[in-house]
Amino acid sequence: MSVREDQMVRELSHYIYEHPDEQMALMPVYDAARDHSQRGTCTHSRRCPLVTTGAVIVDERNPSFQVG
């Protein structure tokens, strides 16, 4: 599954709003995603951050469960 730049911008914006202490670390990714979303192409000479994702499954009914 792929994620569009505008979706990343929306999620990053919300995350930064909720976690302002992480803003400085996330701004390069946010700025690159926003530029890509607005321009529709990369103009950064391949210097853009690589974004990868993974899933985490949380069982809120059994908080003592640990993956190990």
N, C-alpha and C. Protein backbone atom coordinates (compact mmCIF):
# COMPACT_ATOMS: atom_id res chain seq x y z
N MET A 1 0.84 -1.16 0.00
CA MET A 1 0.00 0.00 0.00
C MET A 1 0.90 1.24 0.00
N SER A 2 0.56 2.21 -0.80
CA SER A 2 1.35 3.44 -0.83
C SER A 2 0.56 4.56 -0.15
N VAL A 3 1.31 5.54 0.32
CA VAL A 3 0.72 6.68 0.99
C VAL A 3 1.05 7.91 0.17
N ARG A 4 0.04 8.70 -0.15
CA ARG A 4 0.27 9.92 -0.92
C ARG A 4 0.87 11.01 -0.04
N GLU A 5 1.59 11.93 -0.67
CA GLU A 5 2.23 13.02 0.07
C GLU A 5 1.22 13.85 0.85
N ASP A 6 0.04 14.11 0.26
CA ASP A 6 -0.94 14.93 0.96
C ASP A 6 -1.46 14.24 2.21
N GLN A 7 -1.51 12.90 2.20
CA GLN A 7 -1.90 12.16 3.40
C GLN A 7 -0.82 12.28 4.47
N MET A 8 0.46 12.21 4.06
CA MET A 8 1.55 12.36 5.02
C MET A 8 1.54 13.77 5.62
N VAL A 9 1.31 14.77 4.80
CA VAL A 9 1.28 16.15 5.29
C VAL A 9 0.19 16.30 6.34
N ARG A 10 -0.97 15.76 6.06
CA ARG A 10 -2.10 15.84 6.99
C ARG A 10 -1.78 15.14 8.31
N GLU A 11 -1.24 13.94 8.24
CA GLU A 11 -0.91 13.18 9.46
C GLU A 11 0.23 13.83 10.23
N LEU A 12 1.27 14.28 9.52
CA LEU A 12 2.38 14.94 10.20
C LEU A 12 1.94 16.24 10.86
N SER A 13 1.09 16.99 10.19
CA SER A 13 0.59 18.23 10.76
C SER A 13 -0.16 17.96 12.06
N HIS A 14 -1.02 16.96 12.04
CA HIS A 14 -1.77 16.60 13.24
C HIS A 14 -0.82 16.11 14.34
N TYR A 15 0.15 15.28 13.98
CA TYR A 15 1.08 14.74 14.97
C TYR A 15 1.91 15.86 15.60
N ILE A 16 2.40 16.78 14.78
CA ILE A 16 3.19 17.89 15.29
C ILE A 16 2.35 18.78 16.21
N TYR A 17 1.08 18.96 15.86
CA TYR A 17 0.18 19.73 16.72
C TYR A 17 0.03 19.06 18.08
N GLU A 18 -0.10 17.73 18.08
CA GLU A 18 -0.28 16.98 19.32
C GLU A 18 1.03 16.81 20.10
N HIS A 19 2.17 16.86 19.41
CA HIS A 19 3.49 16.64 20.03
C HIS A 19 4.45 17.76 19.62
N PRO A 20 4.23 18.97 20.09
CA PRO A 20 5.06 20.11 19.65
C PRO A 20 6.54 19.96 20.00
N ASP A 21 6.86 19.16 20.99
CA ASP A 21 8.27 18.96 21.35
C ASP A 21 9.05 18.20 20.27
N GLU A 22 8.37 17.57 19.33
CA GLU A 22 9.02 16.82 18.25
C GLU A 22 9.03 17.58 16.93
N GLN A 23 8.59 18.81 16.95
CA GLN A 23 8.47 19.60 15.72
C GLN A 23 9.80 19.76 14.99
N MET A 24 10.85 20.11 15.70
CA MET A 24 12.15 20.34 15.04
C MET A 24 12.66 19.09 14.32
N ALA A 25 12.48 17.94 14.91
CA ALA A 25 12.96 16.69 14.29
C ALA A 25 12.14 16.32 13.05
N LEU A 26 10.85 16.67 13.05
CA LEU A 26 9.97 16.26 11.96
C LEU A 26 9.84 17.28 10.84
N MET A 27 10.29 18.50 11.03
CA MET A 27 10.09 19.53 10.02
C MET A 27 10.74 19.22 8.67
N PRO A 28 11.93 18.61 8.59
CA PRO A 28 12.46 18.27 7.25
C PRO A 28 11.54 17.31 6.48
N VAL A 29 10.99 16.34 7.15
CA VAL A 29 10.07 15.40 6.50
C VAL A 29 8.78 16.11 6.11
N TYR A 30 8.25 16.93 7.01
CA TYR A 30 7.02 17.68 6.74
C TYR A 30 7.21 18.61 5.54
N ASP A 31 8.30 19.37 5.54
CA ASP A 31 8.56 20.32 4.45
C ASP A 31 8.70 19.61 3.10
N ALA A 32 9.43 18.49 3.07
CA ALA A 32 9.60 17.75 1.82
C ALA A 32 8.27 17.17 1.34
N ALA A 33 7.49 16.61 2.23
CA ALA A 33 6.18 16.05 1.85
C ALA A 33 5.25 17.15 1.35
N ARG A 34 5.27 18.31 2.01
CA ARG A 34 4.42 19.43 1.58
C ARG A 34 4.83 19.91 0.19
N ASP A 35 6.14 20.04 -0.05
CA ASP A 35 6.62 20.45 -1.38
C ASP A 35 6.20 19.46 -2.45
N HIS A 36 6.37 18.18 -2.18
CA HIS A 36 5.97 17.15 -3.15
C HIS A 36 4.48 17.21 -3.43
N SER A 37 3.69 17.39 -2.38
CA SER A 37 2.24 17.44 -2.52
C SER A 37 1.83 18.63 -3.37
N GLN A 38 2.43 19.77 -3.13
CA GLN A 38 2.06 20.99 -3.87
C GLN A 38 2.57 20.98 -5.31
N ARG A 39 3.78 20.48 -5.52
CA ARG A 39 4.39 20.52 -6.85
C ARG A 39 4.07 19.28 -7.70
N GLY A 40 3.78 18.17 -7.05
CA GLY A 40 3.50 16.94 -7.77
C GLY A 40 4.74 16.23 -8.28
N THR A 41 5.92 16.72 -7.90
CA THR A 41 7.17 16.10 -8.31
C THR A 41 8.27 16.50 -7.34
N CYS A 42 9.40 15.82 -7.43
CA CYS A 42 10.54 16.12 -6.55
C CYS A 42 11.46 17.13 -7.22
N THR A 43 11.78 18.18 -6.50
CA THR A 43 12.73 19.19 -7.00
C THR A 43 13.92 19.31 -6.05
N HIS A 44 14.16 18.29 -5.26
CA HIS A 44 15.17 18.35 -4.21
C HIS A 44 16.44 17.56 -4.54
N SER A 45 16.66 17.24 -5.78
CA SER A 45 17.86 16.52 -6.22
C SER A 45 18.11 15.25 -5.41
N ARG A 46 17.05 14.49 -5.16
CA ARG A 46 17.13 13.21 -4.44
C ARG A 46 17.66 13.34 -3.02
N ARG A 47 17.42 14.48 -2.38
CA ARG A 47 17.85 14.68 -0.99
C ARG A 47 16.68 14.55 -0.03
N CYS A 48 15.56 14.05 -0.49
CA CYS A 48 14.38 13.95 0.35
C CYS A 48 14.50 12.79 1.35
N PRO A 49 13.90 12.97 2.51
CA PRO A 49 13.90 11.88 3.49
C PRO A 49 13.12 10.68 2.94
N LEU A 50 13.60 9.50 3.21
CA LEU A 50 12.90 8.29 2.85
C LEU A 50 11.93 7.96 3.97
N VAL A 51 10.68 7.78 3.63
CA VAL A 51 9.65 7.48 4.62
C VAL A 51 9.26 6.02 4.49
N THR A 52 9.43 5.28 5.57
CA THR A 52 8.98 3.90 5.63
C THR A 52 8.04 3.76 6.82
N THR A 53 7.17 2.80 6.75
CA THR A 53 6.20 2.62 7.82
C THR A 53 6.13 1.16 8.24
N GLY A 54 5.53 0.94 9.37
CA GLY A 54 5.29 -0.40 9.88
C GLY A 54 4.05 -0.37 10.76
N ALA A 55 3.53 -1.50 11.03
CA ALA A 55 2.31 -1.58 11.85
C ALA A 55 2.64 -2.05 13.26
N VAL A 56 1.93 -1.53 14.22
CA VAL A 56 2.02 -1.97 15.61
C VAL A 56 0.61 -2.32 16.04
N ILE A 57 0.45 -3.52 16.57
CA ILE A 57 -0.87 -3.97 17.03
C ILE A 57 -0.88 -3.86 18.55
N VAL A 58 -1.88 -3.16 19.06
CA VAL A 58 -2.00 -2.93 20.50
C VAL A 58 -3.30 -3.56 20.98
N ASP A 59 -3.21 -4.39 22.01
CA ASP A 59 -4.39 -4.99 22.63
C ASP A 59 -4.68 -4.23 23.91
N GLU A 60 -5.59 -3.28 23.84
CA GLU A 60 -5.90 -2.45 25.00
C GLU A 60 -6.61 -3.22 26.11
N ARG A 61 -7.13 -4.38 25.78
CA ARG A 61 -7.81 -5.21 26.79
C ARG A 61 -6.82 -5.99 27.63
N ASN A 62 -5.59 -6.19 27.12
CA ASN A 62 -4.59 -6.97 27.82
C ASN A 62 -3.27 -6.19 27.81
N PRO A 63 -3.17 -5.13 28.61
CA PRO A 63 -1.99 -4.26 28.57
C PRO A 63 -0.71 -4.94 29.06
N SER A 64 -0.79 -6.08 29.70
CA SER A 64 0.42 -6.75 30.19
C SER A 64 1.10 -7.58 29.12
N PHE A 65 0.46 -7.74 27.95
CA PHE A 65 1.04 -8.50 26.86
C PHE A 65 2.28 -7.80 26.33
N GLN A 66 3.36 -8.54 26.16
CA GLN A 66 4.61 -7.98 25.66
C GLN A 66 5.13 -8.83 24.52
N VAL A 67 5.68 -8.16 23.53
CA VAL A 67 6.32 -8.86 22.44
C VAL A 67 7.79 -9.02 22.81
N GLY A 68 8.34 -10.19 22.71
CA GLY A 68 9.73 -10.34 23.11
C GLY A 68 10.36 -11.41 22.42
